[in-house]
Amino acid sequence: MSNLLVQNIKHTNNTTSMAIDTSGQVTIRGEGSATTTNLQQGLAKVWLKFNQDTPSTLDSFNVTSVTDSSTGLFLLNIANDFNSVNHTVMCTHEAEVTFNNNVSYNEIDNSSAGQDKIYVAENGAVRDCKNVNVTDFGDLA
């Protein structure tokens, strides 16, 4: 097996577009400017597409299991925990019922570094939905 040892990757005009430090952190040049972005911090660390009706996991990353707790509530169990409870969780779901002034919402409780509690509701009532999408961002432990 061969290794490619590199510290910077440069464009032909000699501007650095990617740098790798001694800890393995990758920094890339931002869009349209000379600012840089840490590649690892910009990646989703957990994602899930879940069918609450079945219940079944349609696809996932860094998820060990999903527990269907009750109507509209499920627990997403994370394989590699976050370093704290202060990670960002985003959740969307496909509205399945048509009402006048339909209001859909997702309530998220990430009170644990290794689990998200997701509540799904429409028109003020919790309910199971076929397509629930969850994405977590933050620093892993």
N, C-alpha and C. Protein backbone atom coordinates (compact mmCIF):
# COMPACT_ATOMS: atom_id res chain seq x y z
N MET A 1 0.84 -1.17 0.00
CA MET A 1 0.00 0.00 0.00
C MET A 1 0.89 1.24 0.00
N SER A 2 0.49 2.23 -0.76
CA SER A 2 1.27 3.46 -0.88
C SER A 2 0.62 4.58 -0.09
N ASN A 3 1.42 5.53 0.34
CA ASN A 3 0.93 6.72 1.04
C ASN A 3 1.28 7.95 0.24
N LEU A 4 0.38 8.87 0.21
CA LEU A 4 0.62 10.17 -0.39
C LEU A 4 0.75 11.16 0.75
N LEU A 5 1.92 11.70 0.95
CA LEU A 5 2.16 12.65 2.03
C LEU A 5 2.07 14.06 1.47
N VAL A 6 1.17 14.85 2.04
CA VAL A 6 0.93 16.19 1.52
C VAL A 6 0.50 17.10 2.67
N GLN A 7 0.88 18.34 2.59
CA GLN A 7 0.47 19.32 3.58
C GLN A 7 -0.50 20.33 2.97
N ASN A 8 -0.25 20.74 1.74
CA ASN A 8 -1.10 21.70 1.04
C ASN A 8 -1.39 21.20 -0.35
N ILE A 9 -2.60 21.47 -0.82
CA ILE A 9 -2.97 21.22 -2.21
C ILE A 9 -3.21 22.58 -2.82
N LYS A 10 -2.51 22.87 -3.91
CA LYS A 10 -2.58 24.19 -4.51
C LYS A 10 -3.12 24.12 -5.93
N HIS A 11 -3.75 25.23 -6.32
CA HIS A 11 -4.19 25.41 -7.69
C HIS A 11 -2.97 25.75 -8.54
N THR A 12 -3.08 25.64 -9.85
CA THR A 12 -1.95 25.96 -10.72
C THR A 12 -1.49 27.40 -10.61
N ASN A 13 -2.35 28.30 -10.09
CA ASN A 13 -1.93 29.70 -9.90
C ASN A 13 -1.22 29.89 -8.56
N ASN A 14 -0.90 28.79 -7.86
CA ASN A 14 -0.14 28.74 -6.62
C ASN A 14 -0.91 29.22 -5.39
N THR A 15 -2.26 29.25 -5.46
CA THR A 15 -3.05 29.57 -4.27
C THR A 15 -3.44 28.25 -3.60
N THR A 16 -3.30 28.21 -2.28
CA THR A 16 -3.63 27.01 -1.53
C THR A 16 -5.14 26.88 -1.43
N SER A 17 -5.68 25.73 -1.87
CA SER A 17 -7.12 25.51 -1.78
C SER A 17 -7.47 24.55 -0.65
N MET A 18 -6.49 23.75 -0.18
CA MET A 18 -6.73 22.81 0.90
C MET A 18 -5.46 22.62 1.70
N ALA A 19 -5.59 22.57 3.02
CA ALA A 19 -4.43 22.34 3.88
C ALA A 19 -4.80 21.27 4.91
N ILE A 20 -3.83 20.43 5.26
CA ILE A 20 -4.02 19.38 6.25
C ILE A 20 -2.99 19.60 7.34
N ASP A 21 -3.46 19.78 8.60
CA ASP A 21 -2.49 20.01 9.67
C ASP A 21 -2.04 18.68 10.28
N THR A 22 -1.15 18.74 11.25
CA THR A 22 -0.56 17.52 11.82
C THR A 22 -1.58 16.66 12.56
N SER A 23 -2.71 17.22 12.99
CA SER A 23 -3.74 16.42 13.66
C SER A 23 -4.72 15.80 12.67
N GLY A 24 -4.55 16.11 11.38
CA GLY A 24 -5.44 15.56 10.36
C GLY A 24 -6.62 16.45 10.02
N GLN A 25 -6.71 17.64 10.63
CA GLN A 25 -7.79 18.57 10.32
C GLN A 25 -7.58 19.13 8.91
N VAL A 26 -8.66 19.18 8.14
CA VAL A 26 -8.61 19.67 6.77
C VAL A 26 -9.28 21.03 6.71
N THR A 27 -8.57 22.01 6.16
CA THR A 27 -9.11 23.35 5.97
C THR A 27 -9.19 23.61 4.48
N ILE A 28 -10.35 24.10 4.03
CA ILE A 28 -10.52 24.41 2.61
C ILE A 28 -10.81 25.89 2.44
N ARG A 29 -10.51 26.39 1.26
CA ARG A 29 -10.76 27.79 0.95
C ARG A 29 -12.25 27.99 0.74
N GLY A 30 -12.79 29.06 1.34
CA GLY A 30 -14.23 29.35 1.24
C GLY A 30 -14.62 29.82 -0.15
N GLU A 31 -15.91 29.86 -0.37
CA GLU A 31 -16.44 30.26 -1.68
C GLU A 31 -16.18 31.73 -1.95
N GLY A 32 -15.53 32.04 -3.04
CA GLY A 32 -15.35 33.41 -3.50
C GLY A 32 -14.47 34.30 -2.64
N SER A 33 -13.69 33.73 -1.74
CA SER A 33 -12.85 34.58 -0.92
C SER A 33 -11.62 33.83 -0.45
N ALA A 34 -10.79 34.52 0.30
CA ALA A 34 -9.58 33.90 0.82
C ALA A 34 -9.79 33.33 2.22
N THR A 35 -11.01 33.41 2.75
CA THR A 35 -11.28 32.84 4.07
C THR A 35 -11.27 31.32 3.98
N THR A 36 -11.06 30.67 5.12
CA THR A 36 -11.02 29.21 5.13
C THR A 36 -12.12 28.63 6.01
N THR A 37 -12.44 27.39 5.76
CA THR A 37 -13.46 26.66 6.51
C THR A 37 -12.89 25.32 6.93
N ASN A 38 -13.15 24.94 8.18
CA ASN A 38 -12.74 23.63 8.65
C ASN A 38 -13.71 22.61 8.09
N LEU A 39 -13.22 21.66 7.32
CA LEU A 39 -14.07 20.70 6.62
C LEU A 39 -14.85 19.82 7.59
N GLN A 40 -14.21 19.31 8.64
CA GLN A 40 -14.87 18.41 9.57
C GLN A 40 -16.03 19.08 10.29
N GLN A 41 -15.89 20.36 10.66
CA GLN A 41 -16.95 21.03 11.39
C GLN A 41 -18.17 21.31 10.52
N GLY A 42 -18.00 21.35 9.23
CA GLY A 42 -19.12 21.62 8.34
C GLY A 42 -19.90 20.40 7.91
N LEU A 43 -19.50 19.22 8.36
CA LEU A 43 -20.17 17.99 7.94
C LEU A 43 -21.28 17.60 8.90
N ALA A 44 -22.35 17.00 8.36
CA ALA A 44 -23.39 16.44 9.22
C ALA A 44 -22.80 15.20 9.89
N LYS A 45 -22.97 15.11 11.21
CA LYS A 45 -22.41 13.99 11.97
C LYS A 45 -23.41 12.86 12.14
N VAL A 46 -24.70 13.18 12.01
CA VAL A 46 -25.78 12.19 12.11
C VAL A 46 -26.87 12.60 11.12
N TRP A 47 -27.44 11.61 10.41
CA TRP A 47 -28.65 11.89 9.64
C TRP A 47 -29.52 10.64 9.61
N LEU A 48 -30.82 10.88 9.46
CA LEU A 48 -31.79 9.78 9.51
C LEU A 48 -32.99 10.11 8.66
N LYS A 49 -33.47 9.15 7.90
CA LYS A 49 -34.77 9.23 7.23
C LYS A 49 -35.58 8.09 7.83
N PHE A 50 -36.71 8.44 8.47
CA PHE A 50 -37.45 7.49 9.28
C PHE A 50 -38.93 7.50 8.92
N ASN A 51 -39.54 6.32 8.88
CA ASN A 51 -40.97 6.17 8.67
C ASN A 51 -41.59 5.81 10.01
N GLN A 52 -42.32 6.74 10.63
CA GLN A 52 -42.94 6.47 11.93
C GLN A 52 -44.13 5.53 11.82
N ASP A 53 -44.79 5.48 10.65
CA ASP A 53 -45.96 4.61 10.49
C ASP A 53 -45.59 3.14 10.63
N THR A 54 -44.43 2.75 10.07
CA THR A 54 -44.08 1.34 10.01
C THR A 54 -43.67 0.74 11.35
N PRO A 55 -42.92 1.24 12.26
CA PRO A 55 -41.81 2.18 12.10
C PRO A 55 -40.58 1.50 11.49
N SER A 56 -39.87 2.25 10.66
CA SER A 56 -38.67 1.68 10.03
C SER A 56 -37.71 2.78 9.63
N THR A 57 -36.43 2.45 9.72
CA THR A 57 -35.38 3.35 9.28
C THR A 57 -35.19 3.15 7.79
N LEU A 58 -35.36 4.21 7.00
CA LEU A 58 -35.21 4.12 5.55
C LEU A 58 -33.75 4.27 5.14
N ASP A 59 -33.01 5.13 5.86
CA ASP A 59 -31.57 5.28 5.63
C ASP A 59 -31.02 6.10 6.80
N SER A 60 -29.73 5.91 7.10
CA SER A 60 -29.17 6.63 8.24
C SER A 60 -27.65 6.64 8.18
N PHE A 61 -27.07 7.52 9.00
CA PHE A 61 -25.63 7.59 9.19
C PHE A 61 -25.37 7.88 10.66
N ASN A 62 -24.49 7.12 11.30
CA ASN A 62 -24.09 7.27 12.70
C ASN A 62 -25.27 7.09 13.65
N VAL A 63 -26.18 6.19 13.30
CA VAL A 63 -27.35 5.88 14.12
C VAL A 63 -27.29 4.40 14.47
N THR A 64 -27.38 4.07 15.78
CA THR A 64 -27.40 2.66 16.16
C THR A 64 -28.80 2.08 16.10
N SER A 65 -29.79 2.88 16.53
CA SER A 65 -31.17 2.39 16.51
C SER A 65 -32.12 3.57 16.67
N VAL A 66 -33.38 3.28 16.38
CA VAL A 66 -34.45 4.24 16.58
C VAL A 66 -35.53 3.53 17.40
N THR A 67 -35.95 4.17 18.47
CA THR A 67 -36.96 3.59 19.35
C THR A 67 -38.26 4.36 19.16
N ASP A 68 -39.32 3.67 18.74
CA ASP A 68 -40.63 4.28 18.60
C ASP A 68 -41.29 4.25 19.96
N SER A 69 -41.33 5.40 20.64
CA SER A 69 -41.81 5.47 22.02
C SER A 69 -43.33 5.55 22.13
N SER A 70 -43.95 6.35 21.27
CA SER A 70 -45.40 6.51 21.26
C SER A 70 -45.77 7.28 20.00
N THR A 71 -47.04 7.54 19.81
CA THR A 71 -47.47 8.30 18.64
C THR A 71 -46.75 9.64 18.60
N GLY A 72 -46.09 9.92 17.50
CA GLY A 72 -45.41 11.19 17.30
C GLY A 72 -44.07 11.35 17.99
N LEU A 73 -43.66 10.37 18.79
CA LEU A 73 -42.40 10.48 19.53
C LEU A 73 -41.49 9.31 19.21
N PHE A 74 -40.24 9.63 18.84
CA PHE A 74 -39.25 8.57 18.71
C PHE A 74 -37.91 9.05 19.23
N LEU A 75 -37.08 8.11 19.62
CA LEU A 75 -35.74 8.39 20.13
C LEU A 75 -34.73 7.91 19.11
N LEU A 76 -33.83 8.80 18.73
CA LEU A 76 -32.75 8.49 17.81
C LEU A 76 -31.50 8.24 18.65
N ASN A 77 -30.96 7.03 18.59
CA ASN A 77 -29.78 6.66 19.37
C ASN A 77 -28.54 6.77 18.50
N ILE A 78 -27.59 7.59 18.93
CA ILE A 78 -26.41 7.95 18.14
C ILE A 78 -25.27 6.98 18.43
N ALA A 79 -24.60 6.50 17.39
CA ALA A 79 -23.49 5.54 17.54
C ALA A 79 -22.27 6.20 18.17
N ASN A 80 -21.78 7.28 17.59
CA ASN A 80 -20.64 8.03 18.12
C ASN A 80 -21.17 9.32 18.71
N ASP A 81 -21.20 9.40 20.05
CA ASP A 81 -21.80 10.52 20.75
C ASP A 81 -21.13 11.86 20.42
N PHE A 82 -21.90 12.93 20.63
CA PHE A 82 -21.37 14.28 20.56
C PHE A 82 -20.60 14.56 21.84
N ASN A 83 -19.75 15.58 21.81
CA ASN A 83 -18.96 15.88 23.02
C ASN A 83 -19.77 16.59 24.09
N SER A 84 -20.98 17.04 23.76
CA SER A 84 -21.85 17.67 24.75
C SER A 84 -23.29 17.64 24.23
N VAL A 85 -24.20 18.12 25.07
CA VAL A 85 -25.60 18.22 24.63
C VAL A 85 -25.81 19.40 23.69
N ASN A 86 -24.79 20.25 23.56
CA ASN A 86 -24.91 21.47 22.77
C ASN A 86 -24.61 21.26 21.30
N HIS A 87 -25.26 20.28 20.70
CA HIS A 87 -25.15 20.09 19.25
C HIS A 87 -26.48 20.53 18.61
N THR A 88 -26.43 20.81 17.34
CA THR A 88 -27.60 21.31 16.63
C THR A 88 -28.35 20.17 15.97
N VAL A 89 -29.66 20.14 16.15
CA VAL A 89 -30.50 19.11 15.55
C VAL A 89 -31.55 19.81 14.68
N MET A 90 -31.68 19.35 13.45
CA MET A 90 -32.71 19.87 12.55
C MET A 90 -33.62 18.72 12.18
N CYS A 91 -34.92 18.98 12.13
CA CYS A 91 -35.87 17.92 11.80
C CYS A 91 -36.96 18.49 10.90
N THR A 92 -37.30 17.75 9.88
CA THR A 92 -38.42 18.10 9.01
C THR A 92 -39.28 16.86 8.83
N HIS A 93 -40.51 17.07 8.47
CA HIS A 93 -41.36 15.94 8.11
C HIS A 93 -42.31 16.35 7.01
N GLU A 94 -42.77 15.35 6.30
CA GLU A 94 -43.70 15.58 5.19
C GLU A 94 -45.11 15.67 5.77
N ALA A 95 -45.78 16.79 5.56
CA ALA A 95 -47.15 16.94 6.04
C ALA A 95 -48.04 15.95 5.30
N GLU A 96 -48.82 15.21 6.05
CA GLU A 96 -49.63 14.16 5.43
C GLU A 96 -51.13 14.42 5.52
N VAL A 97 -51.52 15.43 6.26
CA VAL A 97 -52.93 15.74 6.43
C VAL A 97 -53.16 17.15 5.91
N THR A 98 -54.23 17.36 5.15
CA THR A 98 -54.54 18.68 4.63
C THR A 98 -55.63 19.32 5.47
N PHE A 99 -55.30 20.42 6.10
CA PHE A 99 -56.24 21.21 6.88
C PHE A 99 -56.12 22.64 6.43
N ASN A 100 -57.14 23.43 6.72
CA ASN A 100 -57.00 24.86 6.53
C ASN A 100 -56.05 25.35 7.62
N ASN A 101 -55.12 26.21 7.25
CA ASN A 101 -54.13 26.74 8.20
C ASN A 101 -53.33 25.63 8.88
N ASN A 102 -52.94 24.63 8.12
CA ASN A 102 -52.18 23.51 8.67
C ASN A 102 -50.88 24.00 9.27
N VAL A 103 -50.61 23.63 10.50
CA VAL A 103 -49.38 23.99 11.18
C VAL A 103 -48.66 22.71 11.56
N SER A 104 -47.48 22.51 11.00
CA SER A 104 -46.66 21.35 11.33
C SER A 104 -45.49 21.82 12.15
N TYR A 105 -45.09 21.02 13.12
CA TYR A 105 -43.90 21.38 13.88
C TYR A 105 -43.21 20.12 14.37
N ASN A 106 -41.96 20.29 14.68
CA ASN A 106 -41.15 19.23 15.27
C ASN A 106 -40.52 19.81 16.52
N GLU A 107 -40.66 19.12 17.62
CA GLU A 107 -40.01 19.53 18.85
C GLU A 107 -38.85 18.59 19.10
N ILE A 108 -37.71 19.16 19.39
CA ILE A 108 -36.49 18.37 19.53
C ILE A 108 -35.92 18.58 20.93
N ASP A 109 -35.57 17.49 21.58
CA ASP A 109 -34.93 17.57 22.89
C ASP A 109 -33.63 16.77 22.81
N ASN A 110 -32.51 17.48 22.66
CA ASN A 110 -31.22 16.78 22.63
C ASN A 110 -30.56 16.91 24.00
N SER A 111 -31.26 16.38 25.02
CA SER A 111 -30.76 16.49 26.38
C SER A 111 -29.65 15.49 26.67
N SER A 112 -29.24 14.77 25.67
CA SER A 112 -28.17 13.79 25.81
C SER A 112 -27.20 13.94 24.65
N ALA A 113 -25.93 13.65 24.88
CA ALA A 113 -24.93 13.71 23.80
C ALA A 113 -25.06 12.51 22.87
N GLY A 114 -25.83 11.50 23.28
CA GLY A 114 -25.96 10.29 22.48
C GLY A 114 -27.36 9.95 22.05
N GLN A 115 -28.31 10.86 22.24
CA GLN A 115 -29.69 10.56 21.86
C GLN A 115 -30.47 11.84 21.58
N ASP A 116 -31.33 11.80 20.57
CA ASP A 116 -32.25 12.89 20.27
C ASP A 116 -33.67 12.39 20.50
N LYS A 117 -34.51 13.20 21.15
CA LYS A 117 -35.94 12.91 21.27
C LYS A 117 -36.65 13.78 20.25
N ILE A 118 -37.42 13.17 19.37
CA ILE A 118 -38.08 13.90 18.29
C ILE A 118 -39.59 13.73 18.43
N TYR A 119 -40.31 14.86 18.52
CA TYR A 119 -41.77 14.88 18.55
C TYR A 119 -42.25 15.47 17.23
N VAL A 120 -43.22 14.83 16.60
CA VAL A 120 -43.77 15.31 15.33
C VAL A 120 -45.26 15.60 15.54
N ALA A 121 -45.70 16.76 15.07
CA ALA A 121 -47.11 17.14 15.24
C ALA A 121 -47.61 17.93 14.05
N GLU A 122 -48.93 17.85 13.83
CA GLU A 122 -49.61 18.66 12.83
C GLU A 122 -50.89 19.17 13.47
N ASN A 123 -51.17 20.46 13.26
CA ASN A 123 -52.35 21.11 13.83
C ASN A 123 -52.47 20.88 15.33
N GLY A 124 -51.34 20.90 16.03
CA GLY A 124 -51.34 20.79 17.48
C GLY A 124 -51.47 19.39 18.03
N ALA A 125 -51.57 18.40 17.16
CA ALA A 125 -51.71 17.01 17.63
C ALA A 125 -50.50 16.19 17.19
N VAL A 126 -49.91 15.46 18.15
CA VAL A 126 -48.79 14.59 17.77
C VAL A 126 -49.30 13.50 16.87
N ARG A 127 -48.45 13.09 15.91
CA ARG A 127 -48.85 12.05 14.97
C ARG A 127 -47.62 11.41 14.36
N ASP A 128 -47.80 10.22 13.85
CA ASP A 128 -46.73 9.53 13.13
C ASP A 128 -46.76 9.95 11.66
N CYS A 129 -45.59 10.14 11.08
CA CYS A 129 -45.47 10.53 9.68
C CYS A 129 -44.58 9.55 8.94
N LYS A 130 -44.78 9.45 7.64
CA LYS A 130 -44.01 8.50 6.84
C LYS A 130 -42.58 8.96 6.59
N ASN A 131 -42.37 10.23 6.37
CA ASN A 131 -41.05 10.73 6.02
C ASN A 131 -40.59 11.79 7.02
N VAL A 132 -39.81 11.36 8.01
CA VAL A 132 -39.24 12.27 8.98
C VAL A 132 -37.73 12.29 8.74
N ASN A 133 -37.16 13.48 8.64
CA ASN A 133 -35.74 13.64 8.35
C ASN A 133 -35.07 14.38 9.51
N VAL A 134 -33.98 13.81 10.03
CA VAL A 134 -33.25 14.40 11.14
C VAL A 134 -31.78 14.54 10.74
N THR A 135 -31.18 15.71 11.03
CA THR A 135 -29.76 15.94 10.76
C THR A 135 -29.15 16.62 11.97
N ASP A 136 -28.00 16.11 12.45
CA ASP A 136 -27.30 16.68 13.60
C ASP A 136 -25.94 17.22 13.17
N PHE A 137 -25.59 18.38 13.70
CA PHE A 137 -24.29 18.98 13.49
C PHE A 137 -23.65 19.27 14.85
N GLY A 138 -22.34 19.16 14.94
CA GLY A 138 -21.62 19.47 16.17
C GLY A 138 -20.32 18.70 16.22
N ASP A 139 -19.64 18.81 17.36
CA ASP A 139 -18.36 18.12 17.54
C ASP A 139 -18.58 16.79 18.21
N LEU A 140 -18.04 15.73 17.60
CA LEU A 140 -18.14 14.41 18.21
C LEU A 140 -17.17 14.29 19.37
N ALA A 141 -17.50 13.39 20.31
CA ALA A 141 -16.66 13.18 21.48
C ALA A 141 -15.32 12.56 21.09
